[in-house]
Amino acid sequence: MDADRFGRSRRVERELIRTRTGEGRERAKARGVILGRKPKLTSHQKREAIARREAGEVLTDIARSYNVSHSTISRLS
């Protein structure tokens, strides 16, 4: 019985945290805050890397020059 009450209070508290966090994220977005990780490459670097890839340069060489993974370069569009 006590475990049941404890479980319910945990679910309620979790929902309150989720609600408050979501509201905080929305307020931050409204202020123009960018959420998440900072991009590894600038827009100029992305354009440059795409051009190099289209020119036939090896992905690992391009990635090494920007100090990123080859997967990062392969995902660029």
C-alpha atoms as a PDB file:
ATOM      1  CA  MET A   1       0.000   0.000   0.000  1.00  0.00           C
ATOM      2  CA  ASP A   2       2.775   2.450   0.886  1.00  0.00           C
ATOM      3  CA  ALA A   3       4.660   1.454  -2.241  1.00  0.00           C
ATOM      4  CA  ASP A   4       1.576   2.213  -4.321  1.00  0.00           C
ATOM      5  CA  ARG A   5       1.263   5.715  -2.846  1.00  0.00           C
ATOM      6  CA  PHE A   6       4.971   6.295  -3.324  1.00  0.00           C
ATOM      7  CA  GLY A   7       4.716   5.218  -6.970  1.00  0.00           C
ATOM      8  CA  ARG A   8       1.771   7.541  -7.572  1.00  0.00           C
ATOM      9  CA  SER A   9       3.548  10.494  -5.982  1.00  0.00           C
ATOM     10  CA  ARG A  10       6.598   9.807  -8.158  1.00  0.00           C
ATOM     11  CA  ARG A  11       4.435   9.794 -11.306  1.00  0.00           C
ATOM     12  CA  VAL A  12       2.760  13.059 -10.280  1.00  0.00           C
ATOM     13  CA  GLU A  13       6.107  14.695  -9.518  1.00  0.00           C
ATOM     14  CA  ARG A  14       7.556  13.452 -12.813  1.00  0.00           C
ATOM     15  CA  GLU A  15       4.630  14.966 -14.695  1.00  0.00           C
ATOM     16  CA  LEU A  16       5.086  18.293 -12.873  1.00  0.00           C
ATOM     17  CA  ILE A  17       8.778  18.322 -13.813  1.00  0.00           C
ATOM     18  CA  ARG A  18       7.941  17.509 -17.433  1.00  0.00           C
ATOM     19  CA  THR A  19       5.360  20.305 -17.549  1.00  0.00           C
ATOM     20  CA  ARG A  20       7.656  22.905 -15.982  1.00  0.00           C
ATOM     21  CA  THR A  21      10.542  21.916 -18.233  1.00  0.00           C
ATOM     22  CA  GLY A  22       8.361  22.143 -21.332  1.00  0.00           C
ATOM     23  CA  GLU A  23       7.082  25.566 -20.318  1.00  0.00           C
ATOM     24  CA  GLY A  24      10.624  26.775 -19.713  1.00  0.00           C
ATOM     25  CA  ARG A  25      11.735  25.533 -23.117  1.00  0.00           C
ATOM     26  CA  GLU A  26       8.823  27.327 -24.792  1.00  0.00           C
ATOM     27  CA  ARG A  27       9.675  30.584 -23.005  1.00  0.00           C
ATOM     28  CA  ALA A  28      13.310  30.244 -24.065  1.00  0.00           C
ATOM     29  CA  LYS A  29      12.314  29.612 -27.688  1.00  0.00           C
ATOM     30  CA  ALA A  30      10.069  32.686 -27.594  1.00  0.00           C
ATOM     31  CA  ARG A  31      13.101  34.728 -26.478  1.00  0.00           C
ATOM     32  CA  GLY A  32      15.042  33.357 -29.441  1.00  0.00           C
ATOM     33  CA  VAL A  33      17.328  31.004 -27.511  1.00  0.00           C
ATOM     34  CA  ILE A  34      18.720  28.208 -29.679  1.00  0.00           C
ATOM     35  CA  LEU A  35      18.396  24.870 -27.909  1.00  0.00           C
ATOM     36  CA  GLY A  36      20.622  21.839 -28.376  1.00  0.00           C
ATOM     37  CA  ARG A  37      24.237  21.328 -29.345  1.00  0.00           C
ATOM     38  CA  LYS A  38      26.152  23.986 -31.181  1.00  0.00           C
ATOM     39  CA  PRO A  39      26.892  23.025 -34.781  1.00  0.00           C
ATOM     40  CA  LYS A  40      30.401  21.696 -35.410  1.00  0.00           C
ATOM     41  CA  LEU A  41      30.611  23.473 -38.778  1.00  0.00           C
ATOM     42  CA  THR A  42      29.663  27.010 -39.751  1.00  0.00           C
ATOM     43  CA  SER A  43      27.414  27.498 -42.777  1.00  0.00           C
ATOM     44  CA  HIS A  44      30.472  28.546 -44.797  1.00  0.00           C
ATOM     45  CA  GLN A  45      32.331  25.371 -43.790  1.00  0.00           C
ATOM     46  CA  LYS A  46      29.299  23.266 -44.704  1.00  0.00           C
ATOM     47  CA  ARG A  47      29.096  24.792 -48.181  1.00  0.00           C
ATOM     48  CA  GLU A  48      32.824  24.344 -48.637  1.00  0.00           C
ATOM     49  CA  ALA A  49      32.718  20.703 -47.483  1.00  0.00           C
ATOM     50  CA  ILE A  50      29.800  19.914 -49.815  1.00  0.00           C
ATOM     51  CA  ALA A  51      31.681  21.435 -52.742  1.00  0.00           C
ATOM     52  CA  ARG A  52      34.777  19.397 -51.880  1.00  0.00           C
ATOM     53  CA  ARG A  53      32.698  16.213 -51.588  1.00  0.00           C
ATOM     54  CA  GLU A  54      31.038  16.869 -54.953  1.00  0.00           C
ATOM     55  CA  ALA A  55      34.491  17.434 -56.463  1.00  0.00           C
ATOM     56  CA  GLY A  56      35.327  13.862 -55.462  1.00  0.00           C
ATOM     57  CA  GLU A  57      37.510  14.422 -52.404  1.00  0.00           C
ATOM     58  CA  VAL A  58      37.546  11.564 -49.879  1.00  0.00           C
ATOM     59  CA  LEU A  59      35.174  12.077 -46.929  1.00  0.00           C
ATOM     60  CA  THR A  60      37.789  11.223 -44.313  1.00  0.00           C
ATOM     61  CA  ASP A  61      40.189  13.840 -45.722  1.00  0.00           C
ATOM     62  CA  ILE A  62      37.502  16.508 -45.670  1.00  0.00           C
ATOM     63  CA  ALA A  63      36.463  15.514 -42.153  1.00  0.00           C
ATOM     64  CA  ARG A  64      40.029  15.563 -40.885  1.00  0.00           C
ATOM     65  CA  SER A  65      40.530  19.113 -42.179  1.00  0.00           C
ATOM     66  CA  TYR A  66      37.527  20.304 -40.121  1.00  0.00           C
ATOM     67  CA  ASN A  67      38.286  18.062 -37.123  1.00  0.00           C
ATOM     68  CA  VAL A  68      34.945  16.237 -37.390  1.00  0.00           C
ATOM     69  CA  SER A  69      33.846  12.668 -38.117  1.00  0.00           C
ATOM     70  CA  HIS A  70      33.414  11.451 -41.682  1.00  0.00           C
ATOM     71  CA  SER A  71      29.795  10.769 -40.698  1.00  0.00           C
ATOM     72  CA  THR A  72      29.299  14.493 -40.118  1.00  0.00           C
ATOM     73  CA  ILE A  73      30.468  15.226 -43.659  1.00  0.00           C
ATOM     74  CA  SER A  74      28.375  12.445 -45.185  1.00  0.00           C
ATOM     75  CA  ARG A  75      25.197  13.862 -43.543  1.00  0.00           C
ATOM     76  CA  LEU A  76      25.632  17.295 -45.121  1.00  0.00           C
ATOM     77  CA  SER A  77      23.134  18.163 -47.839  1.00  0.00           C
END
